[in-house]
Protein backbone atom coordinates (compact mmCIF):
# COMPACT_ATOMS: atom_id res chain seq x y z
CA UNK A 1 -57.90 -218.23 -32.16
CA UNK A 2 -58.16 -216.89 -28.69
CA UNK A 3 -55.00 -215.66 -27.03
CA UNK A 4 -56.51 -215.75 -23.55
CA UNK A 5 -54.55 -218.78 -22.41
CA UNK A 6 -54.97 -217.97 -18.71
CA UNK A 7 -58.75 -218.28 -18.95
CA UNK A 8 -58.42 -221.77 -20.41
CA UNK A 9 -55.53 -222.91 -18.20
CA UNK A 10 -57.40 -221.98 -15.04
CA UNK A 11 -61.13 -222.06 -15.92
CA UNK A 12 -63.50 -220.39 -13.47
CA UNK A 13 -66.84 -220.12 -15.24
CA UNK A 14 -69.27 -222.79 -16.35
CA UNK A 15 -69.08 -221.39 -19.88
CA UNK A 16 -65.32 -221.98 -20.00
CA UNK A 17 -65.65 -225.50 -18.60
CA UNK A 18 -68.32 -226.36 -21.17
CA UNK A 19 -66.18 -224.94 -23.98
CA UNK A 20 -63.19 -227.02 -22.88
CA UNK A 21 -65.38 -230.12 -22.62
CA UNK A 22 -66.71 -229.43 -26.13
CA UNK A 23 -63.16 -228.92 -27.42
CA UNK A 24 -62.07 -232.23 -25.91
CA UNK A 25 -65.12 -233.96 -27.38
CA UNK A 26 -64.30 -232.64 -30.86
CA UNK A 27 -60.65 -233.67 -30.47
CA UNK A 28 -61.72 -237.14 -29.37
CA UNK A 29 -64.03 -237.48 -32.38
CA UNK A 30 -61.21 -236.44 -34.70
CA UNK A 31 -58.68 -238.83 -33.22
CA UNK A 32 -60.92 -241.86 -33.77
CA UNK A 33 -60.78 -241.31 -37.53
CA UNK A 34 -57.48 -242.11 -39.32
CA UNK A 35 -56.33 -239.02 -41.22
CA UNK A 36 -57.92 -236.41 -38.96
CA UNK A 37 -55.77 -234.93 -36.21
CA UNK A 38 -57.05 -233.94 -32.79
CA UNK A 39 -54.21 -231.42 -32.81
CA UNK A 40 -55.84 -229.71 -35.78
CA UNK A 41 -59.07 -229.31 -33.84
CA UNK A 42 -57.17 -228.06 -30.76
CA UNK A 43 -55.43 -225.49 -32.95
CA UNK A 44 -58.64 -224.18 -34.50
CA UNK A 45 -60.50 -224.21 -31.18
CA UNK A 46 -57.79 -222.06 -29.58
CA UNK A 47 -56.60 -224.50 -26.90
CA UNK A 48 -53.47 -225.85 -28.61
CA UNK A 49 -50.71 -223.90 -26.85
CA UNK A 50 -52.48 -224.19 -23.49
CA UNK A 51 -52.63 -227.97 -24.02
CA UNK A 52 -48.93 -228.23 -24.89
CA UNK A 53 -47.91 -226.15 -21.86
CA UNK A 54 -50.28 -228.10 -19.61
CA UNK A 55 -48.73 -231.40 -20.65
CA UNK A 56 -45.27 -229.88 -20.24
CA UNK A 57 -46.09 -229.07 -16.60
CA UNK A 58 -45.99 -232.81 -15.81
CA UNK A 59 -42.35 -232.67 -14.75
CA UNK A 60 -40.09 -233.50 -11.81
CA UNK A 61 -41.53 -230.63 -9.80
CA UNK A 62 -45.08 -231.93 -10.10
CA UNK A 63 -43.82 -235.48 -9.42
CA UNK A 64 -42.17 -234.37 -6.15
CA UNK A 65 -45.41 -232.62 -5.14
CA UNK A 66 -47.36 -235.79 -5.88
CA UNK A 67 -44.98 -237.91 -3.81
CA UNK A 68 -45.46 -235.47 -0.91
CA UNK A 69 -49.24 -235.57 -1.46
CA UNK A 70 -49.14 -231.78 -1.90
CA UNK A 71 -52.52 -231.58 -3.61
CA UNK A 72 -52.80 -227.80 -3.22
CA UNK A 73 -49.36 -227.32 -4.75
CA UNK A 74 -50.18 -229.54 -7.71
CA UNK A 75 -53.44 -227.67 -8.37
CA UNK A 76 -51.55 -224.39 -8.40
CA UNK A 77 -48.63 -225.67 -10.48
CA UNK A 78 -50.52 -227.70 -13.06
CA UNK A 79 -53.68 -226.68 -14.96
CA UNK A 80 -55.52 -229.73 -13.64
CA UNK A 81 -59.01 -228.31 -14.22
CA UNK A 82 -58.15 -227.57 -17.86
CA UNK A 83 -56.80 -231.09 -18.39
CA UNK A 84 -59.77 -232.69 -16.67
CA UNK A 85 -62.37 -230.77 -18.69
CA UNK A 86 -60.56 -231.46 -21.96
CA UNK A 87 -59.78 -235.06 -21.04
CA UNK A 88 -63.33 -235.91 -19.97
CA UNK A 89 -64.59 -234.55 -23.29
CA UNK A 90 -62.12 -236.69 -25.23
CA UNK A 91 -62.90 -239.84 -23.25
CA UNK A 92 -66.64 -239.25 -23.71
CA UNK A 93 -66.19 -238.99 -27.47
CA UNK A 94 -64.09 -242.14 -27.67
CA UNK A 95 -66.46 -244.21 -25.54
CA UNK A 96 -69.61 -242.97 -27.25
CA UNK A 97 -68.40 -242.91 -30.82
CA UNK A 98 -65.84 -245.72 -31.17
CA UNK A 99 -68.44 -248.21 -32.40
CA UNK A 100 -70.35 -245.59 -34.40
CA UNK A 101 -67.27 -244.23 -36.17
CA UNK A 102 -66.04 -247.77 -36.79
CA UNK A 103 -69.36 -248.51 -38.48
CA UNK A 104 -69.18 -245.35 -40.59
CA UNK A 105 -65.63 -246.20 -41.62
CA UNK A 106 -66.94 -249.52 -42.94
CA UNK A 107 -70.22 -248.40 -44.49
CA UNK A 108 -70.16 -244.63 -45.13
CA UNK A 109 -66.48 -244.03 -45.87
CA UNK A 110 -66.93 -241.52 -48.68
CA UNK A 111 -69.40 -239.35 -46.79
CA UNK A 112 -67.41 -239.45 -43.54
CA UNK A 113 -64.18 -238.37 -45.20
CA UNK A 114 -65.95 -235.74 -47.28
CA UNK A 115 -67.07 -234.15 -44.01
CA UNK A 116 -63.61 -234.36 -42.44
CA UNK A 117 -62.06 -233.06 -45.65
CA UNK A 118 -64.13 -229.91 -45.18
CA UNK A 119 -62.89 -229.65 -41.59
CA UNK A 120 -59.25 -229.84 -42.65
CA UNK A 121 -59.54 -227.40 -45.57
CA UNK A 122 -61.17 -224.86 -43.25
CA UNK A 123 -58.45 -225.52 -40.66
CA UNK A 124 -55.72 -224.84 -43.22
CA UNK A 125 -57.28 -221.49 -44.10
CA UNK A 126 -58.00 -220.52 -40.47
CA UNK A 127 -54.57 -221.41 -39.10
CA UNK A 128 -52.72 -220.29 -42.23
CA UNK A 129 -54.20 -216.82 -41.84
CA UNK A 130 -52.29 -216.50 -38.54
CA UNK A 131 -48.89 -217.06 -40.22
CA UNK A 132 -46.62 -214.28 -41.47
CA UNK A 133 -45.72 -215.72 -44.85
CA UNK A 134 -42.09 -214.63 -44.99
CA UNK A 135 -39.60 -216.69 -47.09
CA UNK A 136 -38.47 -219.02 -44.28
CA UNK A 137 -42.08 -219.75 -43.30
CA UNK A 138 -42.95 -220.57 -46.93
CA UNK A 139 -39.99 -222.96 -47.20
CA UNK A 140 -40.90 -224.74 -43.96
CA UNK A 141 -44.54 -224.89 -45.06
CA UNK A 142 -43.56 -226.64 -48.30
CA UNK A 143 -41.29 -229.08 -46.45
CA UNK A 144 -44.06 -229.85 -43.94
CA UNK A 145 -46.61 -230.41 -46.72
CA UNK A 146 -44.25 -232.72 -48.63
CA UNK A 147 -43.40 -234.65 -45.46
CA UNK A 148 -47.07 -235.25 -44.60
CA UNK A 149 -47.95 -236.02 -48.23
CA UNK A 150 -45.39 -238.81 -48.43
CA UNK A 151 -45.88 -240.22 -44.94
CA UNK A 152 -49.63 -240.65 -45.42
CA UNK A 153 -48.85 -242.47 -48.66
CA UNK A 154 -47.49 -245.44 -46.74
CA UNK A 155 -49.63 -248.57 -46.77
CA UNK A 156 -52.31 -249.00 -44.13
CA UNK A 157 -52.73 -252.01 -41.89
CA UNK A 158 -56.37 -252.82 -42.42
CA UNK A 159 -56.68 -256.56 -41.89
CA UNK A 160 -58.46 -257.95 -44.90
CA UNK A 161 -59.63 -261.15 -46.46
CA UNK A 162 -59.80 -261.53 -50.19
CA UNK A 163 -63.03 -262.33 -52.02
CA UNK A 164 -62.35 -262.10 -55.74
CA UNK A 165 -61.30 -258.55 -56.43
CA UNK A 166 -62.98 -257.19 -53.31
CA UNK A 167 -61.45 -256.87 -49.87
CA UNK A 168 -63.30 -256.90 -46.57
CA UNK A 169 -62.05 -255.98 -43.13
CA UNK A 170 -61.86 -258.70 -40.51
CA UNK A 171 -64.40 -257.92 -37.84
CA UNK A 172 -63.06 -260.32 -35.18
CA UNK A 173 -61.12 -258.55 -32.45
CA UNK A 174 -57.59 -259.84 -31.90
CA UNK A 175 -55.63 -258.26 -29.05
CA UNK A 176 -52.02 -257.20 -29.66
CA UNK A 177 -49.23 -257.83 -27.12
CA UNK A 178 -49.27 -255.12 -24.42
CA UNK A 179 -45.63 -254.16 -25.12
CA UNK A 180 -46.44 -253.61 -28.80
CA UNK A 181 -49.40 -251.42 -27.86
CA UNK A 182 -47.24 -249.52 -25.35
CA UNK A 183 -44.66 -248.48 -27.96
CA UNK A 184 -47.37 -247.86 -30.57
CA UNK A 185 -49.09 -245.53 -28.12
CA UNK A 186 -45.83 -243.62 -27.56
CA UNK A 187 -45.40 -242.97 -31.29
CA UNK A 188 -49.06 -242.33 -32.10
CA UNK A 189 -49.58 -239.76 -29.33
CA UNK A 190 -46.84 -237.58 -30.83
CA UNK A 191 -48.85 -237.42 -34.04
CA UNK A 192 -52.02 -236.65 -32.09
CA UNK A 193 -50.70 -233.28 -30.97
CA UNK A 194 -49.35 -232.43 -34.44
CA UNK A 195 -52.05 -230.75 -36.54
CA UNK A 196 -52.46 -232.62 -39.80
CA UNK A 197 -51.01 -235.98 -38.75
CA UNK A 198 -53.48 -238.29 -37.07
CA UNK A 199 -52.52 -240.54 -34.20
CA UNK A 200 -55.06 -243.04 -35.52
CA UNK A 201 -53.32 -243.02 -38.88
CA UNK A 202 -49.96 -243.71 -37.25
CA UNK A 203 -51.61 -246.68 -35.56
CA UNK A 204 -52.76 -247.78 -39.02
CA UNK A 205 -49.19 -247.60 -40.32
CA UNK A 206 -47.94 -249.52 -37.28
CA UNK A 207 -50.62 -252.17 -37.78
CA UNK A 208 -52.35 -251.46 -34.46
CA UNK A 209 -55.44 -249.44 -35.38
CA UNK A 210 -57.84 -252.40 -35.42
CA UNK A 211 -56.41 -253.62 -32.12
CA UNK A 212 -56.75 -250.17 -30.52
CA UNK A 213 -60.35 -249.60 -31.64
CA UNK A 214 -61.22 -253.18 -30.76
CA UNK A 215 -59.77 -252.74 -27.27
CA UNK A 216 -62.07 -249.76 -26.66
CA UNK A 217 -65.12 -251.49 -28.14
CA UNK A 218 -64.49 -254.64 -26.09
CA UNK A 219 -63.29 -252.81 -22.95
CA UNK A 220 -60.01 -254.75 -22.98
CA UNK A 221 -58.55 -253.07 -19.88
CA UNK A 222 -55.02 -254.52 -20.25
CA UNK A 223 -54.70 -253.30 -23.85
CA UNK A 224 -56.22 -249.90 -23.02
CA UNK A 225 -53.80 -249.46 -20.10
CA UNK A 226 -50.82 -250.44 -22.29
CA UNK A 227 -51.82 -247.89 -24.95
CA UNK A 228 -52.52 -245.25 -22.32
CA UNK A 229 -49.20 -245.73 -20.52
CA UNK A 230 -47.25 -245.44 -23.77
CA UNK A 231 -49.25 -242.38 -24.78
CA UNK A 232 -48.63 -240.69 -21.41
CA UNK A 233 -44.85 -241.12 -21.62
CA UNK A 234 -44.71 -240.13 -25.30
CA UNK A 235 -46.79 -236.98 -24.94
CA UNK A 236 -44.88 -235.72 -21.89
CA UNK A 237 -41.57 -236.02 -23.74
CA UNK A 238 -42.75 -234.63 -27.09
CA UNK A 239 -44.70 -231.73 -25.63
CA UNK A 240 -41.44 -230.19 -24.40
CA UNK A 241 -40.03 -230.09 -27.90
CA UNK A 242 -43.19 -228.50 -29.31
CA UNK A 243 -43.41 -226.01 -26.46
CA UNK A 244 -39.83 -224.89 -27.07
CA UNK A 245 -40.46 -224.51 -30.80
CA UNK A 246 -43.63 -222.48 -30.22
CA UNK A 247 -41.87 -220.25 -27.69
CA UNK A 248 -38.81 -219.60 -29.87
CA UNK A 249 -39.87 -220.16 -33.48
CA UNK A 250 -43.63 -219.80 -33.41
CA UNK A 251 -44.19 -218.46 -36.93
CA UNK A 252 -42.21 -221.12 -38.79
CA UNK A 253 -43.52 -223.85 -36.46
CA UNK A 254 -47.12 -222.92 -37.21
CA UNK A 255 -46.24 -222.73 -40.92
CA UNK A 256 -44.90 -226.28 -40.71
CA UNK A 257 -48.06 -227.44 -38.95
CA UNK A 258 -50.20 -225.88 -41.69
CA UNK A 259 -48.05 -227.77 -44.20
CA UNK A 260 -48.73 -231.00 -42.32
CA UNK A 261 -52.47 -230.35 -42.61
CA UNK A 262 -52.23 -229.65 -46.34
CA UNK A 263 -50.20 -232.78 -47.01
CA UNK A 264 -52.61 -234.91 -44.99
CA UNK A 265 -55.40 -234.14 -47.48
CA UNK A 266 -53.88 -236.88 -49.65
CA UNK A 267 -55.15 -239.47 -47.19
CA UNK A 268 -58.58 -237.83 -46.93
CA UNK A 269 -58.97 -237.95 -50.71
CA UNK A 270 -57.70 -241.54 -50.93
CA UNK A 271 -60.04 -242.81 -48.21
CA UNK A 272 -63.02 -240.94 -49.70
CA UNK A 273 -62.40 -242.43 -53.14
CA UNK A 274 -61.76 -245.90 -51.70
CA UNK A 275 -65.17 -245.70 -50.04
CA UNK A 276 -67.04 -245.27 -53.32
CA UNK A 277 -67.55 -249.01 -53.77
CA UNK A 278 -69.08 -249.14 -50.29
CA UNK A 279 -71.73 -246.47 -50.80
CA UNK A 280 -72.62 -247.41 -54.36
CA UNK A 281 -73.07 -250.92 -55.74
CA UNK A 282 -72.09 -249.69 -59.19
CA UNK A 283 -68.69 -248.62 -57.90
CA UNK A 284 -69.30 -244.95 -58.58
CA UNK A 285 -71.29 -242.19 -56.96
CA UNK A 286 -74.65 -241.30 -58.43
CA UNK A 287 -75.91 -237.72 -58.58
CA UNK A 288 -77.62 -237.77 -55.21
CA UNK A 289 -74.53 -239.21 -53.50
CA UNK A 290 -72.29 -236.58 -55.08
CA UNK A 291 -74.60 -233.86 -53.78
CA UNK A 292 -74.61 -235.39 -50.29
CA UNK A 293 -70.81 -235.67 -50.25
CA UNK A 294 -70.54 -232.02 -51.37
CA UNK A 295 -73.02 -230.91 -48.67
CA UNK A 296 -71.05 -232.74 -45.98
CA UNK A 297 -67.77 -231.23 -47.21
CA UNK A 298 -69.26 -227.72 -47.10
CA UNK A 299 -70.82 -228.44 -43.69
CA UNK A 300 -67.44 -229.43 -42.27
CA UNK A 301 -65.85 -226.33 -43.78
CA UNK A 302 -68.51 -224.00 -42.41
CA UNK A 303 -68.45 -225.62 -38.95
CA UNK A 304 -64.72 -225.11 -38.40
CA UNK A 305 -64.75 -221.61 -39.95
CA UNK A 306 -67.64 -220.59 -37.71
CA UNK A 307 -65.97 -221.94 -34.56
CA UNK A 308 -62.77 -220.12 -35.47
CA UNK A 309 -64.64 -216.86 -36.11
CA UNK A 310 -66.51 -217.08 -32.82
CA UNK A 311 -63.12 -217.29 -31.10
CA UNK A 312 -61.64 -213.97 -32.24
CA UNK A 313 -63.84 -212.62 -35.07
CA UNK A 314 -61.06 -212.74 -37.68
CA UNK A 315 -61.66 -215.94 -39.64
CA UNK A 316 -60.70 -215.02 -43.23
CA UNK A 317 -63.96 -216.46 -44.64
CA UNK A 318 -66.54 -215.23 -42.13
CA UNK A 319 -64.77 -211.86 -41.75
CA UNK A 320 -65.80 -211.06 -45.30
CA UNK A 321 -69.42 -210.57 -44.22
CA UNK A 322 -69.44 -210.82 -40.39
CA UNK A 323 -67.36 -208.09 -38.84
CA UNK A 324 -67.24 -207.33 -35.10
CA UNK A 325 -69.26 -204.35 -33.96
CA UNK A 326 -67.19 -201.27 -33.31
CA UNK A 327 -67.67 -200.01 -29.78
CA UNK A 328 -68.76 -196.35 -29.64
CA UNK A 329 -66.08 -193.92 -28.49
CA UNK A 330 -66.67 -191.44 -25.74
CA UNK A 331 -66.17 -187.77 -26.41
């Protein structure tokens, strides 16, 4: 992961803007799928700490500047360009892929979660390699993994109708009360910035995932605004806690986040297995489907490992055969 936070916080080149847009797009894609955290993608892409500190900058000082219409002061105080590039990428992903991902979740569940399983396994290895595995970090890692493992074991909210032994999701969009969506957004956004715990999955637990996706698909402005307002308040408050932990207890905090990612694999496996009856009429995968699922898992693994290695050339997998060139020394 890149340590050049200043470059990301105050982008100046087109390359940096495009990278931030791409990072936001990947985070947005991840957040649409229950069980995959946008925070995980931010961590691997090297923008996590910059994101937390950027959100933290939305404080009383920036509010006073806004009330005085001090635009120049706000641009200097807050990394607005970073947030815009990342945010536009996330919004693009949500708007473009909400319907597509929703369709995949219904019809290609096994293959979709095989791919995201590869992403998360690679993320665990990439981020875990950054941790100093001293005793306290190991203990926190185990606690984090157990916490995520049990929390993702809670029942999901998928609205279903029964047809014999089979269950089918209800396709009709039913809007939730704005106040319910507001508080759901507050809780879910905290999970979004925690690697390993998906904001979408928290919405599933709270019974609001179908309503949230449906609001985006149907452009229900009232519901979208209620979710957005709750998310804005929740993320501003929670980012301060995370920022403090990363500033004062970075090693054990990252170890806990890696634990969250490991524990979340329980949900990935469950959703992949649950999807078997969707992709195969016989209720089990045939040889070709097993091969495709394996290819997608490996593709997700390679994609994240490659992105991580391109950041700082020390991904533990790619570093085995792709080492940075050593600059010649002058006599």
